[in-house]
Amino acid sequence: GMPLTEVAFAEHLQHAEERFDLRSQELCSKQVDAAVDGARGYHDSLGRLSQQQHQQNRQQLELMNSLREHQELVAARHREQQLLSCGMAFLLGVLVCAILRPS
């Protein structure tokens, strides 16, 4: 049969191969874990970004709304002033007519 040294060497080689397999499996699972962690981190930061974007959009919308309200207020005040000046002109006209009408 085979000399003892060759048998021992073959066993040693087999153990080395098994250890190598285990090591490469560990490495592989570590790489997979790292990839999963990376993907999770990327997803989280994307989520944060879209949250910030959403917040900015909401702030922009609120700003637009308050601007529109302000413009409506200004327009309403302008209409009031126009009505007031029209009313004043009308009253003034009536007054002038009353004064100038021959008695």
N, C-alpha and C. Protein backbone atom coordinates (compact mmCIF):
# COMPACT_ATOMS: atom_id res chain seq x y z
N GLY A 1 0.82 -1.21 0.00
CA GLY A 1 0.00 0.00 0.00
C GLY A 1 0.85 1.25 0.00
N MET A 2 0.20 2.37 0.29
CA MET A 2 0.91 3.66 0.28
C MET A 2 1.73 3.80 1.55
N PRO A 3 2.90 4.39 1.42
CA PRO A 3 3.69 4.68 2.62
C PRO A 3 2.94 5.67 3.52
N LEU A 4 3.22 5.59 4.82
CA LEU A 4 2.53 6.39 5.82
C LEU A 4 2.64 7.88 5.52
N THR A 5 3.80 8.31 5.10
CA THR A 5 4.01 9.74 4.85
C THR A 5 3.06 10.24 3.77
N GLU A 6 2.86 9.40 2.73
CA GLU A 6 1.96 9.81 1.65
C GLU A 6 0.53 9.90 2.17
N VAL A 7 0.12 8.90 3.00
CA VAL A 7 -1.23 8.91 3.59
C VAL A 7 -1.40 10.16 4.46
N ALA A 8 -0.39 10.41 5.30
CA ALA A 8 -0.45 11.59 6.18
C ALA A 8 -0.54 12.87 5.36
N PHE A 9 0.25 12.90 4.28
CA PHE A 9 0.25 14.09 3.41
C PHE A 9 -1.12 14.28 2.76
N ALA A 10 -1.71 13.17 2.29
CA ALA A 10 -3.03 13.22 1.67
C ALA A 10 -4.08 13.73 2.66
N GLU A 11 -4.01 13.21 3.90
CA GLU A 11 -4.94 13.67 4.94
C GLU A 11 -4.75 15.16 5.22
N HIS A 12 -3.49 15.54 5.32
CA HIS A 12 -3.15 16.96 5.56
C HIS A 12 -3.74 17.83 4.45
N LEU A 13 -3.57 17.37 3.23
CA LEU A 13 -4.07 18.09 2.06
C LEU A 13 -5.60 18.21 2.13
N GLN A 14 -6.26 17.09 2.50
CA GLN A 14 -7.72 17.09 2.60
C GLN A 14 -8.19 18.09 3.67
N HIS A 15 -7.52 18.07 4.83
CA HIS A 15 -7.87 19.02 5.90
C HIS A 15 -7.68 20.46 5.42
N ALA A 16 -6.57 20.67 4.72
CA ALA A 16 -6.27 22.01 4.22
C ALA A 16 -7.38 22.46 3.26
N GLU A 17 -7.82 21.53 2.38
CA GLU A 17 -8.89 21.85 1.43
C GLU A 17 -10.19 22.18 2.17
N GLU A 18 -10.51 21.38 3.21
CA GLU A 18 -11.72 21.63 3.99
C GLU A 18 -11.67 23.00 4.68
N ARG A 19 -10.48 23.27 5.27
CA ARG A 19 -10.31 24.58 5.92
C ARG A 19 -10.46 25.71 4.92
N PHE A 20 -9.89 25.50 3.73
CA PHE A 20 -9.97 26.51 2.67
C PHE A 20 -11.42 26.74 2.27
N ASP A 21 -12.18 25.64 2.12
CA ASP A 21 -13.60 25.74 1.78
C ASP A 21 -14.35 26.55 2.83
N LEU A 22 -14.12 26.19 4.12
CA LEU A 22 -14.78 26.90 5.21
C LEU A 22 -14.45 28.39 5.17
N ARG A 23 -13.16 28.66 4.99
CA ARG A 23 -12.68 30.06 4.97
C ARG A 23 -13.32 30.82 3.83
N SER A 24 -13.38 30.20 2.66
CA SER A 24 -13.95 30.91 1.52
C SER A 24 -15.47 31.11 1.70
N GLN A 25 -16.13 30.13 2.36
CA GLN A 25 -17.55 30.30 2.67
C GLN A 25 -17.75 31.49 3.62
N GLU A 26 -16.88 31.56 4.65
CA GLU A 26 -16.97 32.67 5.61
C GLU A 26 -16.78 34.01 4.89
N LEU A 27 -15.74 34.06 4.06
CA LEU A 27 -15.46 35.28 3.31
C LEU A 27 -16.65 35.67 2.45
N CYS A 28 -17.20 34.65 1.77
CA CYS A 28 -18.32 34.88 0.88
C CYS A 28 -19.50 35.44 1.66
N SER A 29 -19.82 34.83 2.82
CA SER A 29 -20.96 35.30 3.59
C SER A 29 -20.69 36.69 4.15
N LYS A 30 -19.41 36.97 4.50
CA LYS A 30 -19.06 38.31 4.96
C LYS A 30 -19.29 39.33 3.85
N GLN A 31 -18.88 38.97 2.63
CA GLN A 31 -19.08 39.87 1.48
C GLN A 31 -20.57 40.10 1.25
N VAL A 32 -21.35 39.02 1.34
CA VAL A 32 -22.80 39.13 1.16
C VAL A 32 -23.39 40.05 2.23
N ASP A 33 -22.96 39.84 3.49
CA ASP A 33 -23.44 40.70 4.59
C ASP A 33 -23.09 42.16 4.32
N ALA A 34 -21.85 42.39 3.91
CA ALA A 34 -21.41 43.76 3.64
C ALA A 34 -22.26 44.37 2.52
N ALA A 35 -22.52 43.58 1.49
CA ALA A 35 -23.33 44.07 0.37
C ALA A 35 -24.74 44.41 0.84
N VAL A 36 -25.31 43.52 1.68
CA VAL A 36 -26.66 43.75 2.22
C VAL A 36 -26.68 45.02 3.06
N ASP A 37 -25.66 45.17 3.94
CA ASP A 37 -25.56 46.37 4.77
C ASP A 37 -25.47 47.62 3.90
N GLY A 38 -24.63 47.53 2.87
CA GLY A 38 -24.46 48.66 1.96
C GLY A 38 -25.78 49.03 1.29
N ALA A 39 -26.48 48.01 0.81
CA ALA A 39 -27.76 48.24 0.15
C ALA A 39 -28.76 48.86 1.13
N ARG A 40 -28.75 48.35 2.37
CA ARG A 40 -29.67 48.88 3.38
C ARG A 40 -29.35 50.34 3.67
N GLY A 41 -28.05 50.64 3.80
CA GLY A 41 -27.63 52.02 4.04
C GLY A 41 -28.05 52.93 2.90
N TYR A 42 -27.85 52.45 1.68
CA TYR A 42 -28.23 53.22 0.48
C TYR A 42 -29.73 53.49 0.49
N HIS A 43 -30.50 52.44 0.80
CA HIS A 43 -31.96 52.56 0.84
C HIS A 43 -32.38 53.57 1.91
N ASP A 44 -31.74 53.49 3.10
CA ASP A 44 -32.05 54.43 4.19
C ASP A 44 -31.77 55.87 3.77
N SER A 45 -30.60 56.08 3.15
CA SER A 45 -30.24 57.45 2.77
C SER A 45 -31.17 57.95 1.66
N LEU A 46 -31.58 57.04 0.77
CA LEU A 46 -32.57 57.41 -0.25
C LEU A 46 -33.86 57.84 0.42
N GLY A 47 -34.28 57.06 1.42
CA GLY A 47 -35.50 57.38 2.18
C GLY A 47 -35.40 58.75 2.83
N ARG A 48 -34.22 59.02 3.44
CA ARG A 48 -34.01 60.32 4.09
C ARG A 48 -34.08 61.44 3.06
N LEU A 49 -33.45 61.22 1.92
CA LEU A 49 -33.44 62.21 0.84
C LEU A 49 -34.85 62.52 0.39
N SER A 50 -35.65 61.46 0.15
CA SER A 50 -37.00 61.68 -0.35
C SER A 50 -37.85 62.36 0.72
N GLN A 51 -37.55 62.07 2.01
CA GLN A 51 -38.24 62.73 3.11
C GLN A 51 -37.92 64.23 3.10
N GLN A 52 -36.64 64.55 2.93
CA GLN A 52 -36.22 65.95 2.85
C GLN A 52 -36.88 66.64 1.67
N GLN A 53 -36.90 65.93 0.53
CA GLN A 53 -37.52 66.47 -0.69
C GLN A 53 -39.00 66.76 -0.43
N HIS A 54 -39.66 65.79 0.25
CA HIS A 54 -41.07 65.93 0.57
C HIS A 54 -41.29 67.17 1.45
N GLN A 55 -40.41 67.32 2.44
CA GLN A 55 -40.49 68.46 3.36
C GLN A 55 -40.32 69.77 2.60
N GLN A 56 -39.32 69.81 1.70
CA GLN A 56 -39.07 71.01 0.90
C GLN A 56 -40.28 71.33 0.05
N ASN A 57 -40.86 70.28 -0.57
CA ASN A 57 -42.04 70.48 -1.41
C ASN A 57 -43.18 71.07 -0.59
N ARG A 58 -43.37 70.52 0.63
CA ARG A 58 -44.44 71.00 1.49
C ARG A 58 -44.20 72.47 1.87
N GLN A 59 -42.95 72.80 2.22
CA GLN A 59 -42.61 74.18 2.58
C GLN A 59 -42.87 75.11 1.40
N GLN A 60 -42.49 74.65 0.19
CA GLN A 60 -42.69 75.44 -1.02
C GLN A 60 -44.17 75.69 -1.25
N LEU A 61 -44.96 74.62 -1.05
CA LEU A 61 -46.41 74.71 -1.21
C LEU A 61 -47.00 75.71 -0.22
N GLU A 62 -46.56 75.62 1.05
CA GLU A 62 -47.04 76.54 2.08
C GLU A 62 -46.69 77.97 1.71
N LEU A 63 -45.47 78.16 1.21
CA LEU A 63 -45.01 79.49 0.80
C LEU A 63 -45.89 80.02 -0.33
N MET A 64 -46.15 79.15 -1.32
CA MET A 64 -47.00 79.54 -2.45
C MET A 64 -48.40 79.92 -1.97
N ASN A 65 -48.94 79.11 -1.05
CA ASN A 65 -50.27 79.38 -0.52
C ASN A 65 -50.33 80.73 0.20
N SER A 66 -49.33 80.99 1.06
CA SER A 66 -49.34 82.25 1.81
C SER A 66 -49.15 83.43 0.85
N LEU A 67 -48.36 83.22 -0.22
CA LEU A 67 -48.17 84.26 -1.23
C LEU A 67 -49.50 84.55 -1.93
N ARG A 68 -50.22 83.47 -2.29
CA ARG A 68 -51.51 83.63 -2.96
C ARG A 68 -52.50 84.36 -2.04
N GLU A 69 -52.51 83.96 -0.75
CA GLU A 69 -53.39 84.61 0.22
C GLU A 69 -53.07 86.09 0.31
N HIS A 70 -51.77 86.40 0.34
CA HIS A 70 -51.33 87.80 0.42
C HIS A 70 -51.80 88.57 -0.82
N GLN A 71 -51.63 87.96 -2.00
CA GLN A 71 -52.05 88.61 -3.24
C GLN A 71 -53.56 88.85 -3.24
N GLU A 72 -54.32 87.85 -2.76
CA GLU A 72 -55.77 87.99 -2.70
C GLU A 72 -56.16 89.13 -1.75
N LEU A 73 -55.44 89.19 -0.62
CA LEU A 73 -55.68 90.25 0.36
C LEU A 73 -55.43 91.62 -0.27
N VAL A 74 -54.28 91.73 -0.96
CA VAL A 74 -53.91 92.99 -1.62
C VAL A 74 -54.97 93.36 -2.65
N ALA A 75 -55.41 92.37 -3.44
CA ALA A 75 -56.43 92.61 -4.47
C ALA A 75 -57.74 93.08 -3.83
N ALA A 76 -58.12 92.43 -2.72
CA ALA A 76 -59.35 92.79 -2.02
C ALA A 76 -59.26 94.23 -1.50
N ARG A 77 -58.11 94.57 -0.93
CA ARG A 77 -57.91 95.93 -0.42
C ARG A 77 -57.98 96.94 -1.56
N HIS A 78 -57.39 96.56 -2.69
CA HIS A 78 -57.40 97.43 -3.88
C HIS A 78 -58.84 97.67 -4.34
N ARG A 79 -59.64 96.58 -4.38
CA ARG A 79 -61.05 96.71 -4.77
C ARG A 79 -61.80 97.61 -3.80
N GLU A 80 -61.54 97.42 -2.49
CA GLU A 80 -62.19 98.26 -1.48
C GLU A 80 -61.86 99.73 -1.72
N GLN A 81 -60.57 100.01 -2.00
CA GLN A 81 -60.14 101.39 -2.24
C GLN A 81 -60.82 101.96 -3.48
N GLN A 82 -60.91 101.11 -4.53
CA GLN A 82 -61.58 101.55 -5.76
C GLN A 82 -63.04 101.88 -5.48
N LEU A 83 -63.72 100.95 -4.75
CA LEU A 83 -65.13 101.18 -4.39
C LEU A 83 -65.27 102.46 -3.59
N LEU A 84 -64.35 102.64 -2.65
CA LEU A 84 -64.39 103.81 -1.78
C LEU A 84 -64.24 105.08 -2.62
N SER A 85 -63.24 105.08 -3.52
CA SER A 85 -63.02 106.29 -4.33
C SER A 85 -64.17 106.51 -5.30
N CYS A 86 -64.77 105.42 -5.82
CA CYS A 86 -65.96 105.56 -6.67
C CYS A 86 -67.10 106.17 -5.87
N GLY A 87 -67.29 105.63 -4.66
CA GLY A 87 -68.35 106.15 -3.79
C GLY A 87 -68.14 107.62 -3.46
N MET A 88 -66.87 107.96 -3.18
CA MET A 88 -66.54 109.35 -2.86
C MET A 88 -66.83 110.24 -4.06
N ALA A 89 -66.43 109.77 -5.25
CA ALA A 89 -66.66 110.55 -6.48
C ALA A 89 -68.15 110.74 -6.70
N PHE A 90 -68.94 109.66 -6.47
CA PHE A 90 -70.39 109.72 -6.64
C PHE A 90 -70.99 110.74 -5.68
N LEU A 91 -70.58 110.65 -4.39
CA LEU A 91 -71.08 111.59 -3.38
C LEU A 91 -70.71 113.02 -3.74
N LEU A 92 -69.46 113.16 -4.20
CA LEU A 92 -68.98 114.49 -4.59
C LEU A 92 -69.83 115.03 -5.74
N GLY A 93 -70.12 114.15 -6.72
CA GLY A 93 -70.97 114.54 -7.86
C GLY A 93 -72.34 114.98 -7.40
N VAL A 94 -72.95 114.19 -6.50
CA VAL A 94 -74.28 114.52 -5.97
C VAL A 94 -74.23 115.87 -5.27
N LEU A 95 -73.18 116.07 -4.47
CA LEU A 95 -73.00 117.31 -3.72
C LEU A 95 -72.89 118.50 -4.68
N VAL A 96 -72.05 118.34 -5.69
CA VAL A 96 -71.83 119.41 -6.68
C VAL A 96 -73.16 119.73 -7.38
N CYS A 97 -73.87 118.66 -7.79
CA CYS A 97 -75.16 118.86 -8.45
C CYS A 97 -76.13 119.63 -7.53
N ALA A 98 -76.14 119.23 -6.26
CA ALA A 98 -77.04 119.87 -5.30
C ALA A 98 -76.70 121.34 -5.13
N ILE A 99 -75.37 121.62 -5.11
CA ILE A 99 -74.94 123.00 -4.92
C ILE A 99 -75.28 123.83 -6.17
N LEU A 100 -74.99 123.23 -7.36
CA LEU A 100 -75.13 123.99 -8.61
C LEU A 100 -76.58 124.06 -9.10
N ARG A 101 -77.46 123.20 -8.57
CA ARG A 101 -78.86 123.23 -9.03
C ARG A 101 -79.50 124.56 -8.65
N PRO A 102 -80.10 125.21 -9.62
CA PRO A 102 -80.72 126.48 -9.28
C PRO A 102 -81.95 126.27 -8.39
N SER A 103 -82.04 126.99 -7.39
CA SER A 103 -83.14 126.85 -6.46
C SER A 103 -84.38 127.59 -6.95
